[in-house]
C-alpha atoms as a PDB file:
ATOM      1  CA  MET A   1       0.000   0.000   0.000  1.00  0.00           C
ATOM      2  CA  ILE A   2       1.464   3.347  -1.088  1.00  0.00           C
ATOM      3  CA  LEU A   3       0.720   6.800   0.270  1.00  0.00           C
ATOM      4  CA  ALA A   4       1.453   9.322  -2.473  1.00  0.00           C
ATOM      5  CA  LEU A   5       1.467  13.097  -2.483  1.00  0.00           C
ATOM      6  CA  ASP A   6       2.356  15.934  -4.832  1.00  0.00           C
ATOM      7  CA  THR A   7       2.708  19.677  -4.311  1.00  0.00           C
ATOM      8  CA  SER A   8       4.683  20.545  -7.448  1.00  0.00           C
ATOM      9  CA  SER A   9       1.853  22.488  -9.111  1.00  0.00           C
ATOM     10  CA  PRO A  10      -1.073  24.645  -7.922  1.00  0.00           C
ATOM     11  CA  LEU A  11      -2.805  21.345  -7.066  1.00  0.00           C
ATOM     12  CA  THR A  12      -2.087  19.733  -3.695  1.00  0.00           C
ATOM     13  CA  SER A  13      -2.893  16.038  -4.092  1.00  0.00           C
ATOM     14  CA  VAL A  14      -2.881  12.997  -1.773  1.00  0.00           C
ATOM     15  CA  SER A  15      -3.785   9.385  -2.533  1.00  0.00           C
ATOM     16  CA  VAL A  16      -3.503   5.851  -1.219  1.00  0.00           C
ATOM     17  CA  THR A  17      -2.913   3.070  -3.752  1.00  0.00           C
ATOM     18  CA  ASP A  18      -3.061  -0.676  -3.203  1.00  0.00           C
ATOM     19  CA  ALA A  19      -2.188  -3.254  -5.879  1.00  0.00           C
ATOM     20  CA  GLY A  20      -2.597  -0.676  -8.651  1.00  0.00           C
ATOM     21  CA  THR A  21      -6.004   0.474  -7.410  1.00  0.00           C
ATOM     22  CA  THR A  22      -6.550   3.961  -5.974  1.00  0.00           C
ATOM     23  CA  LEU A  23      -8.402   3.588  -2.678  1.00  0.00           C
ATOM     24  CA  VAL A  24      -8.738   7.312  -2.059  1.00  0.00           C
ATOM     25  CA  GLU A  25      -7.580  10.531  -3.692  1.00  0.00           C
ATOM     26  CA  LEU A  26      -8.099  14.035  -2.362  1.00  0.00           C
ATOM     27  CA  SER A  27      -6.932  17.338  -3.788  1.00  0.00           C
ATOM     28  CA  HIS A  28      -7.125  21.093  -3.357  1.00  0.00           C
ATOM     29  CA  LEU A  29      -6.385  23.684  -6.039  1.00  0.00           C
ATOM     30  CA  ASP A  30      -4.628  26.775  -4.678  1.00  0.00           C
ATOM     31  CA  ALA A  31      -1.074  27.716  -5.605  1.00  0.00           C
ATOM     32  CA  ARG A  32      -0.483  29.510  -2.289  1.00  0.00           C
ATOM     33  CA  ARG A  33      -1.894  27.063   0.275  1.00  0.00           C
ATOM     34  CA  HIS A  34       0.102  23.841  -0.029  1.00  0.00           C
ATOM     35  CA  ALA A  35       1.336  24.046   3.568  1.00  0.00           C
ATOM     36  CA  GLU A  36      -2.138  24.756   4.912  1.00  0.00           C
ATOM     37  CA  VAL A  37      -4.113  22.066   3.112  1.00  0.00           C
ATOM     38  CA  LEU A  38      -1.683  19.135   2.902  1.00  0.00           C
ATOM     39  CA  ALA A  39      -1.990  17.948   6.517  1.00  0.00           C
ATOM     40  CA  PRO A  40      -5.833  17.974   6.539  1.00  0.00           C
ATOM     41  CA  LEU A  41      -5.867  16.082   3.213  1.00  0.00           C
ATOM     42  CA  LEU A  42      -3.486  13.480   4.635  1.00  0.00           C
ATOM     43  CA  GLN A  43      -5.581  13.108   7.761  1.00  0.00           C
ATOM     44  CA  GLU A  44      -8.741  12.592   5.722  1.00  0.00           C
ATOM     45  CA  ALA A  45      -7.076  10.140   3.339  1.00  0.00           C
ATOM     46  CA  LEU A  46      -5.713   8.011   6.174  1.00  0.00           C
ATOM     47  CA  ALA A  47      -9.209   7.860   7.717  1.00  0.00           C
ATOM     48  CA  ALA A  48     -10.827   6.637   4.483  1.00  0.00           C
ATOM     49  CA  PRO A  49     -12.502   3.201   4.358  1.00  0.00           C
ATOM     50  CA  GLY A  50     -10.063   0.417   3.529  1.00  0.00           C
ATOM     51  CA  VAL A  51      -7.004   2.461   4.489  1.00  0.00           C
ATOM     52  CA  GLN A  52      -4.930   1.429   7.487  1.00  0.00           C
ATOM     53  CA  ARG A  53      -1.845   3.402   8.396  1.00  0.00           C
ATOM     54  CA  SER A  54      -0.088   0.224   9.483  1.00  0.00           C
ATOM     55  CA  SER A  55      -0.538  -1.230   5.972  1.00  0.00           C
ATOM     56  CA  ILE A  56       1.312   1.616   4.256  1.00  0.00           C
ATOM     57  CA  ASP A  57       4.782   0.331   3.430  1.00  0.00           C
ATOM     58  CA  THR A  58       5.986   3.039   1.013  1.00  0.00           C
ATOM     59  CA  ILE A  59       5.567   6.797   0.642  1.00  0.00           C
ATOM     60  CA  ALA A  60       5.878   8.295  -2.835  1.00  0.00           C
ATOM     61  CA  CYS A  61       6.136  11.980  -3.628  1.00  0.00           C
ATOM     62  CA  GLY A  62       6.327  14.094  -6.751  1.00  0.00           C
ATOM     63  CA  VAL A  63       9.724  15.786  -6.811  1.00  0.00           C
ATOM     64  CA  GLY A  64       8.958  18.381  -9.449  1.00  0.00           C
ATOM     65  CA  PRO A  65      10.065  20.323 -11.269  1.00  0.00           C
ATOM     66  CA  GLY A  66       8.048  23.017  -9.589  1.00  0.00           C
ATOM     67  CA  PRO A  67       8.161  26.237  -7.556  1.00  0.00           C
ATOM     68  CA  TYR A  68      10.654  26.227  -4.688  1.00  0.00           C
ATOM     69  CA  THR A  69       8.291  26.663  -1.736  1.00  0.00           C
ATOM     70  CA  GLY A  70       5.412  24.434  -2.799  1.00  0.00           C
ATOM     71  CA  LEU A  71       7.727  21.651  -3.887  1.00  0.00           C
ATOM     72  CA  ARG A  72       9.518  21.540  -0.544  1.00  0.00           C
ATOM     73  CA  VAL A  73       6.222  21.269   1.372  1.00  0.00           C
ATOM     74  CA  GLY A  74       5.370  17.905  -0.161  1.00  0.00           C
ATOM     75  CA  ILE A  75       8.861  16.421  -0.096  1.00  0.00           C
ATOM     76  CA  ALA A  76       9.554  17.529   3.480  1.00  0.00           C
ATOM     77  CA  THR A  77       6.220  16.082   4.617  1.00  0.00           C
ATOM     78  CA  ALA A  78       6.912  12.776   2.864  1.00  0.00           C
ATOM     79  CA  LEU A  79      10.354  12.535   4.473  1.00  0.00           C
ATOM     80  CA  ALA A  80       8.951  13.366   7.913  1.00  0.00           C
ATOM     81  CA  LEU A  81       6.241  10.707   7.641  1.00  0.00           C
ATOM     82  CA  GLY A  82       8.746   8.174   6.369  1.00  0.00           C
ATOM     83  CA  ALA A  83      11.015   8.785   9.317  1.00  0.00           C
ATOM     84  CA  ALA A  84       8.143   8.635  11.818  1.00  0.00           C
ATOM     85  CA  TRP A  85       6.608   5.467  10.332  1.00  0.00           C
ATOM     86  CA  GLU A  86       9.944   3.863   9.437  1.00  0.00           C
ATOM     87  CA  VAL A  87       8.978   3.222   5.808  1.00  0.00           C
ATOM     88  CA  PRO A  88      10.937   4.090   2.639  1.00  0.00           C
ATOM     89  CA  VAL A  89      10.261   7.299   0.724  1.00  0.00           C
ATOM     90  CA  VAL A  90      10.756   7.439  -3.045  1.00  0.00           C
ATOM     91  CA  GLY A  91      10.350  10.191  -5.611  1.00  0.00           C
ATOM     92  CA  LEU A  92       8.968  10.501  -9.126  1.00  0.00           C
ATOM     93  CA  CYS A  93       9.336  13.315 -11.639  1.00  0.00           C
ATOM     94  CA  SER A  94       5.948  15.007 -11.386  1.00  0.00           C
ATOM     95  CA  LEU A  95       5.655  15.366 -15.162  1.00  0.00           C
ATOM     96  CA  ASP A  96       5.900  11.559 -15.359  1.00  0.00           C
ATOM     97  CA  ALA A  97       2.588  11.340 -13.484  1.00  0.00           C
ATOM     98  CA  ILE A  98       0.813  13.245 -16.250  1.00  0.00           C
ATOM     99  CA  ALA A  99       2.484  11.018 -18.838  1.00  0.00           C
ATOM    100  CA  ALA A 100       1.305   7.903 -16.971  1.00  0.00           C
ATOM    101  CA  ALA A 101      -2.262   9.220 -16.976  1.00  0.00           C
ATOM    102  CA  ALA A 102      -2.029   9.920 -20.708  1.00  0.00           C
ATOM    103  CA  CYS A 103      -1.020   6.312 -21.393  1.00  0.00           C
ATOM    104  CA  ALA A 104      -3.592   4.750 -19.078  1.00  0.00           C
ATOM    105  CA  ASP A 105      -5.586   3.307 -21.970  1.00  0.00           C
ATOM    106  CA  GLY A 106      -2.555   2.018 -23.843  1.00  0.00           C
ATOM    107  CA  PRO A 107       0.224   3.428 -26.024  1.00  0.00           C
ATOM    108  CA  THR A 108      -0.317   6.711 -27.809  1.00  0.00           C
ATOM    109  CA  GLN A 109       1.818   8.827 -30.122  1.00  0.00           C
ATOM    110  CA  GLY A 110       4.899  10.552 -28.713  1.00  0.00           C
ATOM    111  CA  PHE A 111       3.982  13.655 -26.727  1.00  0.00           C
ATOM    112  CA  GLY A 112       5.244  16.424 -24.490  1.00  0.00           C
ATOM    113  CA  VAL A 113       4.193  17.477 -20.997  1.00  0.00           C
ATOM    114  CA  ALA A 114       4.606  21.115 -19.970  1.00  0.00           C
ATOM    115  CA  GLY A 115       4.092  22.652 -16.551  1.00  0.00           C
ATOM    116  CA  ASP A 116       3.757  26.383 -15.976  1.00  0.00           C
ATOM    117  CA  ALA A 117       7.142  27.686 -14.771  1.00  0.00           C
ATOM    118  CA  ARG A 118       6.016  31.337 -14.822  1.00  0.00           C
ATOM    119  CA  ARG A 119       8.416  33.971 -16.206  1.00  0.00           C
ATOM    120  CA  HIS A 120       6.926  33.046 -19.617  1.00  0.00           C
ATOM    121  CA  GLU A 121       8.674  29.655 -19.340  1.00  0.00           C
ATOM    122  CA  VAL A 122       7.588  26.030 -19.035  1.00  0.00           C
ATOM    123  CA  TYR A 123       8.920  22.964 -17.257  1.00  0.00           C
ATOM    124  CA  TRP A 124       8.794  20.284 -19.909  1.00  0.00           C
ATOM    125  CA  ALA A 125       9.703  16.730 -20.835  1.00  0.00           C
ATOM    126  CA  TRP A 126       9.204  14.566 -23.917  1.00  0.00           C
ATOM    127  CA  TYR A 127       7.764  11.038 -23.838  1.00  0.00           C
ATOM    128  CA  GLU A 128       7.610   8.095 -26.188  1.00  0.00           C
ATOM    129  CA  SER A 129       4.309   6.394 -27.017  1.00  0.00           C
ATOM    130  CA  ASP A 130       4.576   4.093 -23.978  1.00  0.00           C
ATOM    131  CA  GLY A 131       5.098   6.986 -21.561  1.00  0.00           C
ATOM    132  CA  ALA A 132       8.867   6.563 -21.202  1.00  0.00           C
ATOM    133  CA  ARG A 133      10.618   9.912 -20.721  1.00  0.00           C
ATOM    134  CA  THR A 134      13.309  10.458 -23.360  1.00  0.00           C
ATOM    135  CA  ASP A 135      14.189  14.110 -22.746  1.00  0.00           C
ATOM    136  CA  GLY A 136      13.843  16.488 -19.834  1.00  0.00           C
ATOM    137  CA  PRO A 137      12.823  17.733 -17.438  1.00  0.00           C
ATOM    138  CA  LEU A 138      13.972  21.136 -18.652  1.00  0.00           C
ATOM    139  CA  VAL A 139      12.887  24.725 -18.096  1.00  0.00           C
ATOM    140  CA  THR A 140      12.870  27.037 -21.109  1.00  0.00           C
ATOM    141  CA  LEU A 141      10.805  29.486 -23.076  1.00  0.00           C
ATOM    142  CA  PRO A 142       8.355  27.527 -25.255  1.00  0.00           C
ATOM    143  CA  ALA A 143      10.020  28.997 -28.335  1.00  0.00           C
ATOM    144  CA  ALA A 144      13.330  27.371 -27.321  1.00  0.00           C
ATOM    145  CA  ILE A 145      11.855  23.857 -27.685  1.00  0.00           C
ATOM    146  CA  ASP A 146      12.745  22.060 -30.915  1.00  0.00           C
ATOM    147  CA  PRO A 147      10.101  23.105 -33.491  1.00  0.00           C
ATOM    148  CA  ALA A 148       9.460  19.505 -34.559  1.00  0.00           C
ATOM    149  CA  ARG A 149       8.500  18.611 -31.009  1.00  0.00           C
ATOM    150  CA  ARG A 150       6.702  21.852 -30.293  1.00  0.00           C
ATOM    151  CA  SER A 151       4.372  21.181 -33.218  1.00  0.00           C
ATOM    152  CA  GLY A 152       3.381  17.812 -31.731  1.00  0.00           C
ATOM    153  CA  ARG A 153       0.895  16.842 -29.019  1.00  0.00           C
ATOM    154  CA  TRP A 154       1.221  18.492 -25.601  1.00  0.00           C
ATOM    155  CA  LEU A 155      -0.371  18.067 -22.182  1.00  0.00           C
ATOM    156  CA  GLY A 156      -0.161  20.035 -18.950  1.00  0.00           C
ATOM    157  CA  GLU A 157      -0.928  23.490 -17.613  1.00  0.00           C
ATOM    158  CA  GLY A 158       2.088  25.035 -19.341  1.00  0.00           C
ATOM    159  CA  ALA A 159       0.747  23.946 -22.723  1.00  0.00           C
ATOM    160  CA  VAL A 160      -2.595  25.569 -21.918  1.00  0.00           C
ATOM    161  CA  VAL A 161      -1.034  28.826 -20.744  1.00  0.00           C
ATOM    162  CA  HIS A 162       1.103  29.013 -23.895  1.00  0.00           C
ATOM    163  CA  ARG A 163      -1.372  27.349 -26.232  1.00  0.00           C
ATOM    164  CA  ASP A 164      -0.499  29.653 -29.117  1.00  0.00           C
ATOM    165  CA  GLN A 165       3.093  28.365 -29.136  1.00  0.00           C
ATOM    166  CA  PHE A 166       2.320  24.639 -29.266  1.00  0.00           C
ATOM    167  CA  GLY A 167       1.030  22.745 -32.265  1.00  0.00           C
ATOM    168  CA  GLU A 168      -1.555  20.478 -30.646  1.00  0.00           C
ATOM    169  CA  VAL A 169      -2.813  20.930 -27.116  1.00  0.00           C
ATOM    170  CA  ALA A 170      -5.119  18.106 -26.033  1.00  0.00           C
ATOM    171  CA  GLU A 171      -8.722  19.296 -25.878  1.00  0.00           C
ATOM    172  CA  ASP A 172      -9.549  17.166 -22.828  1.00  0.00           C
ATOM    173  CA  LEU A 173      -6.982  18.852 -20.600  1.00  0.00           C
ATOM    174  CA  ASP A 174      -8.604  18.430 -17.220  1.00  0.00           C
ATOM    175  CA  GLY A 175      -7.873  16.422 -14.132  1.00  0.00           C
ATOM    176  CA  ALA A 176      -4.753  14.282 -14.359  1.00  0.00           C
ATOM    177  CA  LEU A 177      -3.762  15.618 -17.791  1.00  0.00           C
ATOM    178  CA  LEU A 178      -3.511  19.197 -16.518  1.00  0.00           C
ATOM    179  CA  HIS A 179      -1.728  18.855 -13.148  1.00  0.00           C
ATOM    180  CA  PRO A 180       0.196  15.943 -11.585  1.00  0.00           C
ATOM    181  CA  HIS A 181      -2.128  13.807  -9.462  1.00  0.00           C
ATOM    182  CA  ALA A 182      -0.957  11.741  -6.513  1.00  0.00           C
ATOM    183  CA  SER A 183      -2.941   8.714  -7.687  1.00  0.00           C
ATOM    184  CA  TRP A 184      -0.786   8.445 -10.818  1.00  0.00           C
ATOM    185  CA  ILE A 185       2.373   8.935  -8.804  1.00  0.00           C
ATOM    186  CA  GLY A 186       1.268   6.049  -6.589  1.00  0.00           C
ATOM    187  CA  ARG A 187       0.371   3.791  -9.519  1.00  0.00           C
ATOM    188  CA  ARG A 188       3.558   4.546 -11.422  1.00  0.00           C
ATOM    189  CA  VAL A 189       5.765   4.023  -8.364  1.00  0.00           C
ATOM    190  CA  GLN A 190       3.985   0.772  -7.537  1.00  0.00           C
ATOM    191  CA  ALA A 191       4.619  -0.497 -11.074  1.00  0.00           C
ATOM    192  CA  LEU A 192       8.289   0.520 -10.941  1.00  0.00           C
ATOM    193  CA  LEU A 193       8.825  -1.138  -7.570  1.00  0.00           C
ATOM    194  CA  GLY A 194       7.060  -4.234  -8.853  1.00  0.00           C
ATOM    195  CA  SER A 195       9.481  -4.403 -11.779  1.00  0.00           C
ATOM    196  CA  GLY A 196      12.422  -4.355  -9.387  1.00  0.00           C
ATOM    197  CA  GLU A 197      13.585  -0.786 -10.051  1.00  0.00           C
ATOM    198  CA  VAL A 198      15.551   0.915  -7.289  1.00  0.00           C
ATOM    199  CA  ALA A 199      15.443   4.643  -6.570  1.00  0.00           C
ATOM    200  CA  ALA A 200      18.392   6.289  -8.308  1.00  0.00           C
ATOM    201  CA  PRO A 201      20.572   8.918  -6.657  1.00  0.00           C
ATOM    202  CA  VAL A 202      20.682  11.718  -9.229  1.00  0.00           C
ATOM    203  CA  GLU A 203      23.063  14.551  -8.548  1.00  0.00           C
ATOM    204  CA  ALA A 204      23.549  17.440 -10.979  1.00  0.00           C
ATOM    205  CA  LEU A 205      24.931  20.683  -9.632  1.00  0.00           C
ATOM    206  CA  LEU A 206      22.950  23.707 -10.763  1.00  0.00           C
ATOM    207  CA  SER A 207      26.195  25.198 -12.023  1.00  0.00           C
ATOM    208  CA  ALA A 208      26.430  22.327 -14.526  1.00  0.00           C
ATOM    209  CA  HIS A 209      23.416  23.298 -16.589  1.00  0.00           C
ATOM    210  CA  GLY A 210      23.119  27.051 -16.795  1.00  0.00           C
ATOM    211  CA  ASP A 211      19.483  28.054 -16.606  1.00  0.00           C
ATOM    212  CA  ASP A 212      17.651  25.259 -18.431  1.00  0.00           C
ATOM    213  CA  GLY A 213      18.299  22.121 -16.360  1.00  0.00           C
ATOM    214  CA  ALA A 214      20.240  20.262 -19.056  1.00  0.00           C
ATOM    215  CA  GLY A 215      22.566  18.718 -16.479  1.00  0.00           C
ATOM    216  CA  THR A 216      19.643  17.354 -14.505  1.00  0.00           C
ATOM    217  CA  SER A 217      17.960  16.097 -17.663  1.00  0.00           C
ATOM    218  CA  ALA A 218      21.103  14.197 -18.645  1.00  0.00           C
ATOM    219  CA  ALA A 219      21.461  12.717 -15.155  1.00  0.00           C
ATOM    220  CA  LEU A 220      17.832  11.552 -15.164  1.00  0.00           C
ATOM    221  CA  ARG A 221      17.962   9.898 -18.585  1.00  0.00           C
ATOM    222  CA  GLY A 222      16.792   6.326 -18.194  1.00  0.00           C
ATOM    223  CA  ARG A 223      15.864   6.917 -14.545  1.00  0.00           C
ATOM    224  CA  ALA A 224      12.259   6.840 -13.388  1.00  0.00           C
ATOM    225  CA  LEU A 225      12.294   5.997  -9.671  1.00  0.00           C
ATOM    226  CA  LEU A 226      14.191   8.746  -7.834  1.00  0.00           C
ATOM    227  CA  LEU A 227      15.303   9.691  -4.377  1.00  0.00           C
ATOM    228  CA  PRO A 228      12.992  12.239  -2.666  1.00  0.00           C
ATOM    229  CA  ARG A 229      14.991  15.324  -3.605  1.00  0.00           C
ATOM    230  CA  PRO A 230      13.543  18.376  -5.363  1.00  0.00           C
ATOM    231  CA  LEU A 231      14.157  18.989  -9.065  1.00  0.00           C
ATOM    232  CA  TYR A 232      14.533  22.759  -9.139  1.00  0.00           C
ATOM    233  CA  LEU A 233      16.235  23.111 -12.569  1.00  0.00           C
ATOM    234  CA  ARG A 234      16.717  26.867 -12.209  1.00  0.00           C
ATOM    235  CA  ARG A 235      19.653  28.399 -10.430  1.00  0.00           C
ATOM    236  CA  PRO A 236      18.594  30.232  -7.241  1.00  0.00           C
ATOM    237  CA  ASP A 237      17.762  33.919  -7.636  1.00  0.00           C
ATOM    238  CA  ALA A 238      19.561  34.730  -4.390  1.00  0.00           C
ATOM    239  CA  VAL A 239      23.338  34.356  -4.471  1.00  0.00           C
ATOM    240  CA  PRO A 240      26.006  34.963  -1.808  1.00  0.00           C
ATOM    241  CA  ALA A 241      27.307  38.497  -1.685  1.00  0.00           C
ATOM    242  CA  ARG A 242      30.725  38.954  -3.190  1.00  0.00           C
ATOM    243  CA  THR A 243      33.580  39.646  -0.796  1.00  0.00           C
ATOM    244  CA  PRO A 244      35.050  43.092  -1.419  1.00  0.00           C
END
């Protein structure tokens, strides 16, 4: 049984998954209230019929990319619960959750997933027809994405915000195809654990990739199950003062 949570987007989402079936999923849409709503959602989810805290043997969390503050709320909470309950905590690229939802009914054509990174930019990744990530996550202006890919099919809030710069934005962009949902993080993690995959330590210094996350993207290539560490991609805006 997996407790999953995600706070990488304006949606705060919590779910409990057992044997590939979502027992409960709760969410709240508000980009500024992750810290306020996450604990009540967790409390309600753990009190749902069929859910027993003692049966939860793994905690899964979306690790972004996403805004600094919101992202840390979910990951820090997952780590705290894991330490208190003495269960492992694993991470998943949050864009992968949208890709998993897109492939729920079987393979589709290759597609992109874009989250809203503000500053006129998007967090994005590219996926093959089976949902395997082949490029990204990256953060760039939409116009900086390869035109051949940009003219293809896109999912996610970033594609909606910048609809005029993408070739085909899915018309049914609601629910799990707009924001990462914890239920798909739980299902994807459960499938990866079932296949024997082990969470990969991925380290890429921000100084290695400039401002687009290329170093992180390269380090994550071929990696799906991750350690619960945030994928920021951008360098921090605040830097140490220079010594005179």
